[in-house]
mmCIF file of all heavy atoms, coordinates in Angstrom:
data_MODEL
# 
_entry.id   MODEL 
# 
loop_
_atom_site.group_PDB 
_atom_site.id 
_atom_site.type_symbol 
_atom_site.label_atom_id 
_atom_site.label_alt_id 
_atom_site.label_comp_id 
_atom_site.label_asym_id 
_atom_site.label_entity_id 
_atom_site.label_seq_id 
_atom_site.pdbx_PDB_ins_code 
_atom_site.Cartn_x 
_atom_site.Cartn_y 
_atom_site.Cartn_z 
_atom_site.occupancy 
_atom_site.B_iso_or_equiv 
_atom_site.pdbx_formal_charge 
_atom_site.auth_seq_id 
_atom_site.auth_comp_id 
_atom_site.auth_asym_id 
_atom_site.auth_atom_id 
_atom_site.pdbx_PDB_model_num 
ATOM 1   N N   . GLU A 1 1  ? -2.641 1.608  15.446  1.00 0.00 ? 1  GLU A N   1 
ATOM 2   C CA  . GLU A 1 1  ? -1.712 0.477  15.122  1.00 0.00 ? 1  GLU A CA  1 
ATOM 3   C C   . GLU A 1 1  ? -1.932 -0.040 13.760  1.00 0.00 ? 1  GLU A C   1 
ATOM 4   O O   . GLU A 1 1  ? -0.987 -0.349 13.003  1.00 0.00 ? 1  GLU A O   1 
ATOM 5   C CB  . GLU A 1 1  ? -1.939 -0.599 16.164  1.00 0.00 ? 1  GLU A CB  1 
ATOM 6   C CG  . GLU A 1 1  ? -1.416 -0.349 17.536  1.00 0.00 ? 1  GLU A CG  1 
ATOM 7   C CD  . GLU A 1 1  ? -1.538 -1.567 18.430  1.00 0.00 ? 1  GLU A CD  1 
ATOM 8   O OE1 . GLU A 1 1  ? -1.494 -2.679 17.943  1.00 0.00 ? 1  GLU A OE1 1 
ATOM 9   O OE2 . GLU A 1 1  ? -1.667 -1.317 19.655  1.00 0.00 ? 1  GLU A OE2 1 
ATOM 10  N N   . GLU A 1 2  ? -3.154 -0.114 13.299  1.00 0.00 ? 2  GLU A N   1 
ATOM 11  C CA  . GLU A 1 2  ? -3.454 -0.636 11.923  1.00 0.00 ? 2  GLU A CA  1 
ATOM 12  C C   . GLU A 1 2  ? -2.865 0.337  10.860  1.00 0.00 ? 2  GLU A C   1 
ATOM 13  O O   . GLU A 1 2  ? -2.364 -0.122 9.900   1.00 0.00 ? 2  GLU A O   1 
ATOM 14  C CB  . GLU A 1 2  ? -4.932 -0.891 11.739  1.00 0.00 ? 2  GLU A CB  1 
ATOM 15  C CG  . GLU A 1 2  ? -5.484 -2.017 12.608  1.00 0.00 ? 2  GLU A CG  1 
ATOM 16  C CD  . GLU A 1 2  ? -4.663 -3.285 12.513  1.00 0.00 ? 2  GLU A CD  1 
ATOM 17  O OE1 . GLU A 1 2  ? -4.522 -3.804 11.377  1.00 0.00 ? 2  GLU A OE1 1 
ATOM 18  O OE2 . GLU A 1 2  ? -4.175 -3.762 13.535  1.00 0.00 ? 2  GLU A OE2 1 
ATOM 19  N N   . LEU A 1 3  ? -3.006 1.589  11.138  1.00 0.00 ? 3  LEU A N   1 
ATOM 20  C CA  . LEU A 1 3  ? -2.420 2.567  10.164  1.00 0.00 ? 3  LEU A CA  1 
ATOM 21  C C   . LEU A 1 3  ? -0.943 2.454  10.080  1.00 0.00 ? 3  LEU A C   1 
ATOM 22  O O   . LEU A 1 3  ? -0.328 2.785  9.052   1.00 0.00 ? 3  LEU A O   1 
ATOM 23  C CB  . LEU A 1 3  ? -2.855 4.013  10.555  1.00 0.00 ? 3  LEU A CB  1 
ATOM 24  C CG  . LEU A 1 3  ? -4.313 4.334  10.386  1.00 0.00 ? 3  LEU A CG  1 
ATOM 25  C CD1 . LEU A 1 3  ? -4.674 5.582  11.043  1.00 0.00 ? 3  LEU A CD1 1 
ATOM 26  C CD2 . LEU A 1 3  ? -4.704 4.370  8.896   1.00 0.00 ? 3  LEU A CD2 1 
ATOM 27  N N   . GLU A 1 4  ? -0.310 2.003  11.155  1.00 0.00 ? 4  GLU A N   1 
ATOM 28  C CA  . GLU A 1 4  ? 1.173  1.894  11.165  1.00 0.00 ? 4  GLU A CA  1 
ATOM 29  C C   . GLU A 1 4  ? 1.617  0.529  10.635  1.00 0.00 ? 4  GLU A C   1 
ATOM 30  O O   . GLU A 1 4  ? 2.780  0.421  10.207  1.00 0.00 ? 4  GLU A O   1 
ATOM 31  C CB  . GLU A 1 4  ? 1.681  2.027  12.617  1.00 0.00 ? 4  GLU A CB  1 
ATOM 32  C CG  . GLU A 1 4  ? 1.616  3.432  13.196  1.00 0.00 ? 4  GLU A CG  1 
ATOM 33  C CD  . GLU A 1 4  ? 2.165  3.486  14.596  1.00 0.00 ? 4  GLU A CD  1 
ATOM 34  O OE1 . GLU A 1 4  ? 2.296  2.440  15.288  1.00 0.00 ? 4  GLU A OE1 1 
ATOM 35  O OE2 . GLU A 1 4  ? 2.608  4.577  14.982  1.00 0.00 ? 4  GLU A OE2 1 
ATOM 36  N N   . THR A 1 5  ? 0.786  -0.490 10.694  1.00 0.00 ? 5  THR A N   1 
ATOM 37  C CA  . THR A 1 5  ? 1.265  -1.869 10.401  1.00 0.00 ? 5  THR A CA  1 
ATOM 38  C C   . THR A 1 5  ? 0.520  -2.671 9.392   1.00 0.00 ? 5  THR A C   1 
ATOM 39  O O   . THR A 1 5  ? 1.017  -3.686 8.888   1.00 0.00 ? 5  THR A O   1 
ATOM 40  C CB  . THR A 1 5  ? 1.259  -2.666 11.740  1.00 0.00 ? 5  THR A CB  1 
ATOM 41  O OG1 . THR A 1 5  ? -0.100 -2.752 12.262  1.00 0.00 ? 5  THR A OG1 1 
ATOM 42  C CG2 . THR A 1 5  ? 2.164  -2.048 12.793  1.00 0.00 ? 5  THR A CG2 1 
ATOM 43  N N   . ASN A 1 6  ? -0.726 -2.287 9.067   1.00 0.00 ? 6  ASN A N   1 
ATOM 44  C CA  . ASN A 1 6  ? -1.550 -3.128 8.162   1.00 0.00 ? 6  ASN A CA  1 
ATOM 45  C C   . ASN A 1 6  ? -1.296 -2.672 6.733   1.00 0.00 ? 6  ASN A C   1 
ATOM 46  O O   . ASN A 1 6  ? -1.567 -1.495 6.341   1.00 0.00 ? 6  ASN A O   1 
ATOM 47  C CB  . ASN A 1 6  ? -3.020 -2.876 8.553   1.00 0.00 ? 6  ASN A CB  1 
ATOM 48  C CG  . ASN A 1 6  ? -3.958 -3.821 7.845   1.00 0.00 ? 6  ASN A CG  1 
ATOM 49  O OD1 . ASN A 1 6  ? -3.734 -4.149 6.681   1.00 0.00 ? 6  ASN A OD1 1 
ATOM 50  N ND2 . ASN A 1 6  ? -5.009 -4.253 8.511   1.00 0.00 ? 6  ASN A ND2 1 
ATOM 51  N N   . PRO A 1 7  ? -0.782 -3.584 5.881   1.00 0.00 ? 7  PRO A N   1 
ATOM 52  C CA  . PRO A 1 7  ? -0.468 -3.164 4.513   1.00 0.00 ? 7  PRO A CA  1 
ATOM 53  C C   . PRO A 1 7  ? -1.636 -2.706 3.705   1.00 0.00 ? 7  PRO A C   1 
ATOM 54  O O   . PRO A 1 7  ? -1.482 -1.846 2.830   1.00 0.00 ? 7  PRO A O   1 
ATOM 55  C CB  . PRO A 1 7  ? 0.171  -4.463 3.870   1.00 0.00 ? 7  PRO A CB  1 
ATOM 56  C CG  . PRO A 1 7  ? -0.332 -5.578 4.750   1.00 0.00 ? 7  PRO A CG  1 
ATOM 57  C CD  . PRO A 1 7  ? -0.467 -5.018 6.127   1.00 0.00 ? 7  PRO A CD  1 
ATOM 58  N N   . PHE A 1 8  ? -2.828 -3.153 4.014   1.00 0.00 ? 8  PHE A N   1 
ATOM 59  C CA  . PHE A 1 8  ? -4.022 -2.699 3.296   1.00 0.00 ? 8  PHE A CA  1 
ATOM 60  C C   . PHE A 1 8  ? -4.448 -1.282 3.693   1.00 0.00 ? 8  PHE A C   1 
ATOM 61  O O   . PHE A 1 8  ? -5.295 -0.652 2.985   1.00 0.00 ? 8  PHE A O   1 
ATOM 62  C CB  . PHE A 1 8  ? -5.142 -3.710 3.514   1.00 0.00 ? 8  PHE A CB  1 
ATOM 63  C CG  . PHE A 1 8  ? -4.827 -5.080 2.983   1.00 0.00 ? 8  PHE A CG  1 
ATOM 64  C CD1 . PHE A 1 8  ? -4.339 -6.027 3.806   1.00 0.00 ? 8  PHE A CD1 1 
ATOM 65  C CD2 . PHE A 1 8  ? -4.999 -5.359 1.613   1.00 0.00 ? 8  PHE A CD2 1 
ATOM 66  C CE1 . PHE A 1 8  ? -4.030 -7.312 3.330   1.00 0.00 ? 8  PHE A CE1 1 
ATOM 67  C CE2 . PHE A 1 8  ? -4.660 -6.604 1.173   1.00 0.00 ? 8  PHE A CE2 1 
ATOM 68  C CZ  . PHE A 1 8  ? -4.179 -7.596 1.971   1.00 0.00 ? 8  PHE A CZ  1 
ATOM 69  N N   . MET A 1 9  ? -3.886 -0.772 4.784   1.00 0.00 ? 9  MET A N   1 
ATOM 70  C CA  . MET A 1 9  ? -4.168 0.595  5.220   1.00 0.00 ? 9  MET A CA  1 
ATOM 71  C C   . MET A 1 9  ? -2.929 1.489  5.004   1.00 0.00 ? 9  MET A C   1 
ATOM 72  O O   . MET A 1 9  ? -2.898 2.634  5.433   1.00 0.00 ? 9  MET A O   1 
ATOM 73  C CB  . MET A 1 9  ? -4.667 0.631  6.658   1.00 0.00 ? 9  MET A CB  1 
ATOM 74  C CG  . MET A 1 9  ? -5.943 -0.121 6.854   1.00 0.00 ? 9  MET A CG  1 
ATOM 75  S SD  . MET A 1 9  ? -6.608 -0.012 8.569   1.00 0.00 ? 9  MET A SD  1 
ATOM 76  C CE  . MET A 1 9  ? -7.425 1.606  8.456   1.00 0.00 ? 9  MET A CE  1 
ATOM 77  N N   . ARG A 1 10 ? -1.955 0.946  4.286   1.00 0.00 ? 10 ARG A N   1 
ATOM 78  C CA  . ARG A 1 10 ? -0.712 1.727  4.013   1.00 0.00 ? 10 ARG A CA  1 
ATOM 79  C C   . ARG A 1 10 ? -0.476 1.764  2.500   1.00 0.00 ? 10 ARG A C   1 
ATOM 80  O O   . ARG A 1 10 ? 0.702  1.862  2.038   1.00 0.00 ? 10 ARG A O   1 
ATOM 81  C CB  . ARG A 1 10 ? 0.450  1.037  4.762   1.00 0.00 ? 10 ARG A CB  1 
ATOM 82  C CG  . ARG A 1 10 ? 0.380  1.143  6.210   1.00 0.00 ? 10 ARG A CG  1 
ATOM 83  C CD  . ARG A 1 10 ? 1.416  0.374  6.964   1.00 0.00 ? 10 ARG A CD  1 
ATOM 84  N NE  . ARG A 1 10 ? 2.779  0.596  6.494   1.00 0.00 ? 10 ARG A NE  1 
ATOM 85  C CZ  . ARG A 1 10 ? 3.510  1.693  6.809   1.00 0.00 ? 10 ARG A CZ  1 
ATOM 86  N NH1 . ARG A 1 10 ? 2.989  2.624  7.588   1.00 0.00 ? 10 ARG A NH1 1 
ATOM 87  N NH2 . ARG A 1 10 ? 4.753  1.795  6.386   1.00 0.00 ? 10 ARG A NH2 1 
ATOM 88  N N   . VAL A 1 11 ? -1.568 1.836  1.756   1.00 0.00 ? 11 VAL A N   1 
ATOM 89  C CA  . VAL A 1 11 ? -1.444 1.783  0.285   1.00 0.00 ? 11 VAL A CA  1 
ATOM 90  C C   . VAL A 1 11 ? -0.880 3.009  -0.316  1.00 0.00 ? 11 VAL A C   1 
ATOM 91  O O   . VAL A 1 11 ? -0.564 3.047  -1.531  1.00 0.00 ? 11 VAL A O   1 
ATOM 92  C CB  . VAL A 1 11 ? -2.819 1.403  -0.369  1.00 0.00 ? 11 VAL A CB  1 
ATOM 93  C CG1 . VAL A 1 11 ? -3.199 -0.008 0.039   1.00 0.00 ? 11 VAL A CG1 1 
ATOM 94  C CG2 . VAL A 1 11 ? -3.877 2.394  0.107   1.00 0.00 ? 11 VAL A CG2 1 
ATOM 95  N N   . ASP A 1 12 ? -0.733 4.083  0.495   1.00 0.00 ? 12 ASP A N   1 
ATOM 96  C CA  . ASP A 1 12 ? -0.135 5.311  -0.009  1.00 0.00 ? 12 ASP A CA  1 
ATOM 97  C C   . ASP A 1 12 ? 1.389  5.414  0.358   1.00 0.00 ? 12 ASP A C   1 
ATOM 98  O O   . ASP A 1 12 ? 1.996  6.397  0.060   1.00 0.00 ? 12 ASP A O   1 
ATOM 99  C CB  . ASP A 1 12 ? -0.874 6.535  0.527   1.00 0.00 ? 12 ASP A CB  1 
ATOM 100 C CG  . ASP A 1 12 ? -0.832 6.558  2.098   1.00 0.00 ? 12 ASP A CG  1 
ATOM 101 O OD1 . ASP A 1 12 ? -0.563 5.486  2.732   1.00 0.00 ? 12 ASP A OD1 1 
ATOM 102 O OD2 . ASP A 1 12 ? -1.127 7.643  2.673   1.00 0.00 ? 12 ASP A OD2 1 
ATOM 103 N N   . GLN A 1 13 ? 1.900  4.355  0.938   1.00 0.00 ? 13 GLN A N   1 
ATOM 104 C CA  . GLN A 1 13 ? 3.289  4.396  1.408   1.00 0.00 ? 13 GLN A CA  1 
ATOM 105 C C   . GLN A 1 13 ? 4.232  3.871  0.335   1.00 0.00 ? 13 GLN A C   1 
ATOM 106 O O   . GLN A 1 13 ? 3.952  2.881  -0.358  1.00 0.00 ? 13 GLN A O   1 
ATOM 107 C CB  . GLN A 1 13 ? 3.433  3.573  2.678   1.00 0.00 ? 13 GLN A CB  1 
ATOM 108 C CG  . GLN A 1 13 ? 2.647  4.097  3.866   1.00 0.00 ? 13 GLN A CG  1 
ATOM 109 C CD  . GLN A 1 13 ? 3.142  5.487  4.252   1.00 0.00 ? 13 GLN A CD  1 
ATOM 110 O OE1 . GLN A 1 13 ? 4.323  5.705  4.490   1.00 0.00 ? 13 GLN A OE1 1 
ATOM 111 N NE2 . GLN A 1 13 ? 2.169  6.477  4.301   1.00 0.00 ? 13 GLN A NE2 1 
ATOM 112 N N   . PRO A 1 14 ? 5.439  4.493  0.214   1.00 0.00 ? 14 PRO A N   1 
ATOM 113 C CA  . PRO A 1 14 ? 6.362  4.055  -0.795  1.00 0.00 ? 14 PRO A CA  1 
ATOM 114 C C   . PRO A 1 14 ? 6.755  2.561  -0.745  1.00 0.00 ? 14 PRO A C   1 
ATOM 115 O O   . PRO A 1 14 ? 6.913  1.933  -1.798  1.00 0.00 ? 14 PRO A O   1 
ATOM 116 C CB  . PRO A 1 14 ? 7.622  4.933  -0.492  1.00 0.00 ? 14 PRO A CB  1 
ATOM 117 C CG  . PRO A 1 14 ? 7.035  6.159  0.122   1.00 0.00 ? 14 PRO A CG  1 
ATOM 118 C CD  . PRO A 1 14 ? 5.854  5.668  0.940   1.00 0.00 ? 14 PRO A CD  1 
ATOM 119 N N   . ALA A 1 15 ? 6.860  1.985  0.440   1.00 0.00 ? 15 ALA A N   1 
ATOM 120 C CA  . ALA A 1 15 ? 7.216  0.599  0.521   1.00 0.00 ? 15 ALA A CA  1 
ATOM 121 C C   . ALA A 1 15 ? 6.200  -0.307 -0.162  1.00 0.00 ? 15 ALA A C   1 
ATOM 122 O O   . ALA A 1 15 ? 6.596  -1.264 -0.828  1.00 0.00 ? 15 ALA A O   1 
ATOM 123 C CB  . ALA A 1 15 ? 7.389  0.174  1.991   1.00 0.00 ? 15 ALA A CB  1 
ATOM 124 N N   . LEU A 1 16 ? 4.929  0.015  0.057   1.00 0.00 ? 16 LEU A N   1 
ATOM 125 C CA  . LEU A 1 16 ? 3.880  -0.826 -0.572  1.00 0.00 ? 16 LEU A CA  1 
ATOM 126 C C   . LEU A 1 16 ? 3.826  -0.556 -2.064  1.00 0.00 ? 16 LEU A C   1 
ATOM 127 O O   . LEU A 1 16 ? 3.538  -1.440 -2.852  1.00 0.00 ? 16 LEU A O   1 
ATOM 128 C CB  . LEU A 1 16 ? 2.551  -0.535 0.124   1.00 0.00 ? 16 LEU A CB  1 
ATOM 129 C CG  . LEU A 1 16 ? 2.240  -1.313 1.348   1.00 0.00 ? 16 LEU A CG  1 
ATOM 130 C CD1 . LEU A 1 16 ? 2.181  -2.790 1.120   1.00 0.00 ? 16 LEU A CD1 1 
ATOM 131 C CD2 . LEU A 1 16 ? 3.215  -1.026 2.516   1.00 0.00 ? 16 LEU A CD2 1 
ATOM 132 N N   . GLN A 1 17 ? 4.009  0.675  -2.457  1.00 0.00 ? 17 GLN A N   1 
ATOM 133 C CA  . GLN A 1 17 ? 4.058  0.961  -3.887  1.00 0.00 ? 17 GLN A CA  1 
ATOM 134 C C   . GLN A 1 17 ? 5.199  0.292  -4.597  1.00 0.00 ? 17 GLN A C   1 
ATOM 135 O O   . GLN A 1 17 ? 5.056  -0.255 -5.691  1.00 0.00 ? 17 GLN A O   1 
ATOM 136 C CB  . GLN A 1 17 ? 4.081  2.501  -4.080  1.00 0.00 ? 17 GLN A CB  1 
ATOM 137 C CG  . GLN A 1 17 ? 2.862  3.206  -3.565  1.00 0.00 ? 17 GLN A CG  1 
ATOM 138 C CD  . GLN A 1 17 ? 2.973  4.728  -3.598  1.00 0.00 ? 17 GLN A CD  1 
ATOM 139 O OE1 . GLN A 1 17 ? 4.082  5.287  -3.840  1.00 0.00 ? 17 GLN A OE1 1 
ATOM 140 N NE2 . GLN A 1 17 ? 1.884  5.427  -3.382  1.00 0.00 ? 17 GLN A NE2 1 
ATOM 141 N N   . LYS A 1 18 ? 6.336  0.244  -3.933  1.00 0.00 ? 18 LYS A N   1 
ATOM 142 C CA  . LYS A 1 18 ? 7.479  -0.444 -4.487  1.00 0.00 ? 18 LYS A CA  1 
ATOM 143 C C   . LYS A 1 18 ? 7.229  -1.978 -4.588  1.00 0.00 ? 18 LYS A C   1 
ATOM 144 O O   . LYS A 1 18 ? 7.548  -2.595 -5.595  1.00 0.00 ? 18 LYS A O   1 
ATOM 145 C CB  . LYS A 1 18 ? 8.756  -0.197 -3.664  1.00 0.00 ? 18 LYS A CB  1 
ATOM 146 C CG  . LYS A 1 18 ? 10.001 -0.840 -4.180  1.00 0.00 ? 18 LYS A CG  1 
ATOM 147 C CD  . LYS A 1 18 ? 11.191 -0.534 -3.315  1.00 0.00 ? 18 LYS A CD  1 
ATOM 148 C CE  . LYS A 1 18 ? 12.457 -1.215 -3.850  1.00 0.00 ? 18 LYS A CE  1 
ATOM 149 N NZ  . LYS A 1 18 ? 13.650 -0.918 -2.990  1.00 0.00 ? 18 LYS A NZ  1 
ATOM 150 N N   . ALA A 1 19 ? 6.637  -2.522 -3.559  1.00 0.00 ? 19 ALA A N   1 
ATOM 151 C CA  . ALA A 1 19 ? 6.388  -3.956 -3.542  1.00 0.00 ? 19 ALA A CA  1 
ATOM 152 C C   . ALA A 1 19 ? 5.402  -4.379 -4.616  1.00 0.00 ? 19 ALA A C   1 
ATOM 153 O O   . ALA A 1 19 ? 5.463  -5.541 -5.120  1.00 0.00 ? 19 ALA A O   1 
ATOM 154 C CB  . ALA A 1 19 ? 5.839  -4.354 -2.179  1.00 0.00 ? 19 ALA A CB  1 
ATOM 155 N N   . THR A 1 20 ? 4.487  -3.523 -4.982  1.00 0.00 ? 20 THR A N   1 
ATOM 156 C CA  . THR A 1 20 ? 3.437  -3.858 -5.927  1.00 0.00 ? 20 THR A CA  1 
ATOM 157 C C   . THR A 1 20 ? 3.683  -3.321 -7.332  1.00 0.00 ? 20 THR A C   1 
ATOM 158 O O   . THR A 1 20 ? 3.085  -3.780 -8.336  1.00 0.00 ? 20 THR A O   1 
ATOM 159 C CB  . THR A 1 20 ? 2.041  -3.315 -5.495  1.00 0.00 ? 20 THR A CB  1 
ATOM 160 O OG1 . THR A 1 20 ? 2.130  -1.877 -5.323  1.00 0.00 ? 20 THR A OG1 1 
ATOM 161 C CG2 . THR A 1 20 ? 1.678  -3.944 -4.152  1.00 0.00 ? 20 THR A CG2 1 
ATOM 162 N N   . GLY A 1 21 ? 4.570  -2.337 -7.470  1.00 0.00 ? 21 GLY A N   1 
ATOM 163 C CA  . GLY A 1 21 ? 4.837  -1.718 -8.763  1.00 0.00 ? 21 GLY A CA  1 
ATOM 164 C C   . GLY A 1 21 ? 3.645  -0.822 -9.188  1.00 0.00 ? 21 GLY A C   1 
ATOM 165 O O   . GLY A 1 21 ? 3.510  -0.500 -10.352 1.00 0.00 ? 21 GLY A O   1 
ATOM 166 N N   . GLN A 1 22 ? 2.836  -0.387 -8.218  1.00 0.00 ? 22 GLN A N   1 
ATOM 167 C CA  . GLN A 1 22 ? 1.725  0.446  -8.487  1.00 0.00 ? 22 GLN A CA  1 
ATOM 168 C C   . GLN A 1 22 ? 1.785  1.728  -7.617  1.00 0.00 ? 22 GLN A C   1 
ATOM 169 O O   . GLN A 1 22 ? 2.467  1.714  -6.542  1.00 0.00 ? 22 GLN A O   1 
ATOM 170 C CB  . GLN A 1 22 ? 0.367  -0.264 -8.140  1.00 0.00 ? 22 GLN A CB  1 
ATOM 171 C CG  . GLN A 1 22 ? 0.154  -1.598 -8.862  1.00 0.00 ? 22 GLN A CG  1 
ATOM 172 C CD  . GLN A 1 22 ? -0.146 -1.396 -10.296 1.00 0.00 ? 22 GLN A CD  1 
ATOM 173 O OE1 . GLN A 1 22 ? -0.657 -0.314 -10.731 1.00 0.00 ? 22 GLN A OE1 1 
ATOM 174 N NE2 . GLN A 1 22 ? 0.052  -2.426 -11.115 1.00 0.00 ? 22 GLN A NE2 1 
ATOM 175 N N   . THR A 1 23 ? 1.112  2.780  -8.026  1.00 0.00 ? 23 THR A N   1 
ATOM 176 C CA  . THR A 1 23 ? 1.055  3.997  -7.272  1.00 0.00 ? 23 THR A CA  1 
ATOM 177 C C   . THR A 1 23 ? -0.344 4.417  -6.869  1.00 0.00 ? 23 THR A C   1 
ATOM 178 O O   . THR A 1 23 ? -0.532 5.029  -5.823  1.00 0.00 ? 23 THR A O   1 
ATOM 179 C CB  . THR A 1 23 ? 1.727  5.202  -8.004  1.00 0.00 ? 23 THR A CB  1 
ATOM 180 O OG1 . THR A 1 23 ? 1.105  5.335  -9.282  1.00 0.00 ? 23 THR A OG1 1 
ATOM 181 C CG2 . THR A 1 23 ? 3.193  4.894  -8.190  1.00 0.00 ? 23 THR A CG2 1 
ATOM 182 N N   . ASP A 1 24 ? -1.313 4.057  -7.709  1.00 0.00 ? 24 ASP A N   1 
ATOM 183 C CA  . ASP A 1 24 ? -2.708 4.387  -7.345  1.00 0.00 ? 24 ASP A CA  1 
ATOM 184 C C   . ASP A 1 24 ? -3.117 3.507  -6.143  1.00 0.00 ? 24 ASP A C   1 
ATOM 185 O O   . ASP A 1 24 ? -2.946 2.307  -6.139  1.00 0.00 ? 24 ASP A O   1 
ATOM 186 C CB  . ASP A 1 24 ? -3.640 4.082  -8.526  1.00 0.00 ? 24 ASP A CB  1 
ATOM 187 C CG  . ASP A 1 24 ? -5.088 4.293  -8.154  1.00 0.00 ? 24 ASP A CG  1 
ATOM 188 O OD1 . ASP A 1 24 ? -5.520 5.428  -8.100  1.00 0.00 ? 24 ASP A OD1 1 
ATOM 189 O OD2 . ASP A 1 24 ? -5.798 3.288  -7.884  1.00 0.00 ? 24 ASP A OD2 1 
ATOM 190 N N   . PRO A 1 25 ? -3.648 4.133  -5.079  1.00 0.00 ? 25 PRO A N   1 
ATOM 191 C CA  . PRO A 1 25 ? -3.952 3.384  -3.880  1.00 0.00 ? 25 PRO A CA  1 
ATOM 192 C C   . PRO A 1 25 ? -4.898 2.170  -4.104  1.00 0.00 ? 25 PRO A C   1 
ATOM 193 O O   . PRO A 1 25 ? -4.656 1.094  -3.475  1.00 0.00 ? 25 PRO A O   1 
ATOM 194 C CB  . PRO A 1 25 ? -4.623 4.391  -2.967  1.00 0.00 ? 25 PRO A CB  1 
ATOM 195 C CG  . PRO A 1 25 ? -4.108 5.720  -3.430  1.00 0.00 ? 25 PRO A CG  1 
ATOM 196 C CD  . PRO A 1 25 ? -3.932 5.549  -4.901  1.00 0.00 ? 25 PRO A CD  1 
ATOM 197 N N   . VAL A 1 26 ? -5.872 2.276  -4.958  1.00 0.00 ? 26 VAL A N   1 
ATOM 198 C CA  . VAL A 1 26 ? -6.746 1.135  -5.188  1.00 0.00 ? 26 VAL A CA  1 
ATOM 199 C C   . VAL A 1 26 ? -6.007 0.020  -5.884  1.00 0.00 ? 26 VAL A C   1 
ATOM 200 O O   . VAL A 1 26 ? -6.204 -1.193 -5.558  1.00 0.00 ? 26 VAL A O   1 
ATOM 201 C CB  . VAL A 1 26 ? -7.984 1.576  -6.058  1.00 0.00 ? 26 VAL A CB  1 
ATOM 202 C CG1 . VAL A 1 26 ? -8.855 0.378  -6.395  1.00 0.00 ? 26 VAL A CG1 1 
ATOM 203 C CG2 . VAL A 1 26 ? -8.785 2.671  -5.276  1.00 0.00 ? 26 VAL A CG2 1 
ATOM 204 N N   . GLN A 1 27 ? -5.119 0.353  -6.816  1.00 0.00 ? 27 GLN A N   1 
ATOM 205 C CA  . GLN A 1 27 ? -4.334 -0.677 -7.528  1.00 0.00 ? 27 GLN A CA  1 
ATOM 206 C C   . GLN A 1 27 ? -3.293 -1.319 -6.561  1.00 0.00 ? 27 GLN A C   1 
ATOM 207 O O   . GLN A 1 27 ? -3.065 -2.505 -6.719  1.00 0.00 ? 27 GLN A O   1 
ATOM 208 C CB  . GLN A 1 27 ? -3.670 -0.052 -8.750  1.00 0.00 ? 27 GLN A CB  1 
ATOM 209 C CG  . GLN A 1 27 ? -4.612 0.384  -9.839  1.00 0.00 ? 27 GLN A CG  1 
ATOM 210 C CD  . GLN A 1 27 ? -5.585 -0.718 -10.296 1.00 0.00 ? 27 GLN A CD  1 
ATOM 211 O OE1 . GLN A 1 27 ? -5.136 -1.813 -10.549 1.00 0.00 ? 27 GLN A OE1 1 
ATOM 212 N NE2 . GLN A 1 27 ? -6.818 -0.349 -10.384 1.00 0.00 ? 27 GLN A NE2 1 
ATOM 213 N N   . VAL A 1 28 ? -2.796 -0.537 -5.651  1.00 0.00 ? 28 VAL A N   1 
ATOM 214 C CA  . VAL A 1 28 ? -1.874 -1.093 -4.697  1.00 0.00 ? 28 VAL A CA  1 
ATOM 215 C C   . VAL A 1 28 ? -2.673 -2.109 -3.820  1.00 0.00 ? 28 VAL A C   1 
ATOM 216 O O   . VAL A 1 28 ? -2.174 -3.230 -3.581  1.00 0.00 ? 28 VAL A O   1 
ATOM 217 C CB  . VAL A 1 28 ? -1.277 0.020  -3.792  1.00 0.00 ? 28 VAL A CB  1 
ATOM 218 C CG1 . VAL A 1 28 ? -0.438 -0.606 -2.629  1.00 0.00 ? 28 VAL A CG1 1 
ATOM 219 C CG2 . VAL A 1 28 ? -0.353 0.917  -4.592  1.00 0.00 ? 28 VAL A CG2 1 
ATOM 220 N N   . LEU A 1 29 ? -3.829 -1.692 -3.335  1.00 0.00 ? 29 LEU A N   1 
ATOM 221 C CA  . LEU A 1 29 ? -4.646 -2.651 -2.539  1.00 0.00 ? 29 LEU A CA  1 
ATOM 222 C C   . LEU A 1 29 ? -4.937 -3.908 -3.297  1.00 0.00 ? 29 LEU A C   1 
ATOM 223 O O   . LEU A 1 29 ? -4.830 -5.037 -2.764  1.00 0.00 ? 29 LEU A O   1 
ATOM 224 C CB  . LEU A 1 29 ? -5.864 -1.971 -2.023  1.00 0.00 ? 29 LEU A CB  1 
ATOM 225 C CG  . LEU A 1 29 ? -6.723 -2.785 -1.018  1.00 0.00 ? 29 LEU A CG  1 
ATOM 226 C CD1 . LEU A 1 29 ? -7.391 -1.826 -0.020  1.00 0.00 ? 29 LEU A CD1 1 
ATOM 227 C CD2 . LEU A 1 29 ? -7.782 -3.649 -1.677  1.00 0.00 ? 29 LEU A CD2 1 
ATOM 228 N N   . ALA A 1 30 ? -5.334 -3.757 -4.516  1.00 0.00 ? 30 ALA A N   1 
ATOM 229 C CA  . ALA A 1 30 ? -5.700 -4.906 -5.373  1.00 0.00 ? 30 ALA A CA  1 
ATOM 230 C C   . ALA A 1 30 ? -4.511 -5.853 -5.526  1.00 0.00 ? 30 ALA A C   1 
ATOM 231 O O   . ALA A 1 30 ? -4.658 -7.072 -5.438  1.00 0.00 ? 30 ALA A O   1 
ATOM 232 C CB  . ALA A 1 30 ? -6.174 -4.465 -6.771  1.00 0.00 ? 30 ALA A CB  1 
ATOM 233 N N   . ALA A 1 31 ? -3.309 -5.288 -5.724  1.00 0.00 ? 31 ALA A N   1 
ATOM 234 C CA  . ALA A 1 31 ? -2.119 -6.088 -5.904  1.00 0.00 ? 31 ALA A CA  1 
ATOM 235 C C   . ALA A 1 31 ? -1.739 -6.797 -4.603  1.00 0.00 ? 31 ALA A C   1 
ATOM 236 O O   . ALA A 1 31 ? -1.411 -7.980 -4.625  1.00 0.00 ? 31 ALA A O   1 
ATOM 237 C CB  . ALA A 1 31 ? -0.974 -5.227 -6.392  1.00 0.00 ? 31 ALA A CB  1 
# 
């Protein structure tokens, strides 16, 4: 469930990359 719903575990997903303007997973998490 966390892999499907937790934004901090979805840092490789396009939606999170778009929301943060980042593509590197660590930078997405930081943002």
